[in-house]
Protein backbone atom coordinates (compact mmCIF):
# COMPACT_ATOMS: atom_id res chain seq x y z
CA MET A 1 21.62 20.32 0.47
CA LYS A 2 21.12 17.77 -2.02
CA ASN A 3 20.95 15.27 0.79
CA TRP A 4 17.84 16.92 2.30
CA SER A 5 15.86 16.71 -0.86
CA PHE A 6 16.64 13.09 -0.95
CA ILE A 7 15.52 12.39 2.32
CA ALA A 8 12.51 14.52 2.19
CA GLN A 9 11.41 12.71 -1.41
CA GLY A 10 11.99 9.22 0.45
CA ILE A 11 9.74 10.56 3.07
CA ALA A 12 7.06 11.80 1.05
CA SER A 13 7.28 8.42 -1.09
CA VAL A 14 6.62 6.40 2.32
CA LEU A 15 3.87 9.00 3.41
CA PHE A 16 1.88 8.55 -0.09
CA VAL A 17 2.29 4.49 0.32
CA ILE A 18 0.96 4.56 3.87
CA LEU A 19 -2.25 6.76 2.82
CA VAL A 20 -3.14 4.75 -0.17
CA PHE A 21 -2.59 1.44 2.34
CA MET A 22 -4.81 3.24 4.52
CA TYR A 23 -7.43 3.65 1.89
CA PHE A 24 -7.36 0.08 0.65
CA ILE A 25 -7.79 -1.47 4.31
CA GLY A 26 -10.63 1.09 5.03
CA SER A 27 -9.19 3.37 7.61
CA TRP A 28 -10.11 6.53 5.07
CA ARG A 29 -12.31 7.44 2.91
CA ALA A 30 -12.43 10.48 0.39
CA ASP A 31 -13.85 11.72 -2.87
CA PRO A 32 -13.08 9.50 -5.96
CA ILE A 33 -10.93 12.24 -7.65
CA ILE A 34 -8.91 12.45 -4.54
CA GLU A 35 -8.35 8.90 -4.20
CA ILE A 36 -7.27 8.56 -7.76
CA LEU A 37 -5.13 11.72 -7.55
CA PHE A 38 -3.13 10.09 -4.22
CA PHE A 39 -2.80 6.62 -5.95
CA PHE A 40 -0.85 8.63 -8.83
CA ILE A 41 1.08 10.53 -6.28
CA MET A 42 2.02 7.56 -4.69
CA VAL A 43 3.05 5.82 -8.03
CA THR A 44 4.97 8.72 -9.27
CA SER A 45 6.77 9.85 -5.98
CA VAL A 46 7.98 6.11 -5.40
CA PHE A 47 9.36 6.04 -8.94
CA GLY A 48 11.22 9.11 -8.76
CA PHE A 49 12.60 7.97 -5.27
CA GLY A 50 13.76 5.20 -7.04
CA ILE A 51 15.55 6.67 -9.79
CA GLU A 52 17.13 9.08 -7.20
CA THR A 53 18.30 6.15 -5.38
CA ASN A 54 19.40 4.40 -8.77
CA LYS A 55 21.29 7.68 -9.28
CA ARG A 56 23.41 7.66 -5.96
CA VAL A 57 24.43 3.99 -6.09
CA SER A 58 25.64 4.36 -9.52
CA LYS A 59 27.97 7.40 -8.70
CA SER A 60 29.46 5.21 -5.53
C-alpha cells in the first residue's frame, strides 16, 4: 500500500512541474493567486517526493 502512495506523490510532483512550466512558456494563464498557489504546491510536492525518495534509498 505504501508503494501506491509513493507513486501517486511522484505523479503529482511531475504534473505540477508541467503545469508551472506551461505557465512560464505562456500556454495558460490564471489569476495571480492561483499561479502563486500552483508554484508553492509544486515546490512542496517536489520537496516531499525528494524526502520520500531519500527515505527509500536509505532503507536499502
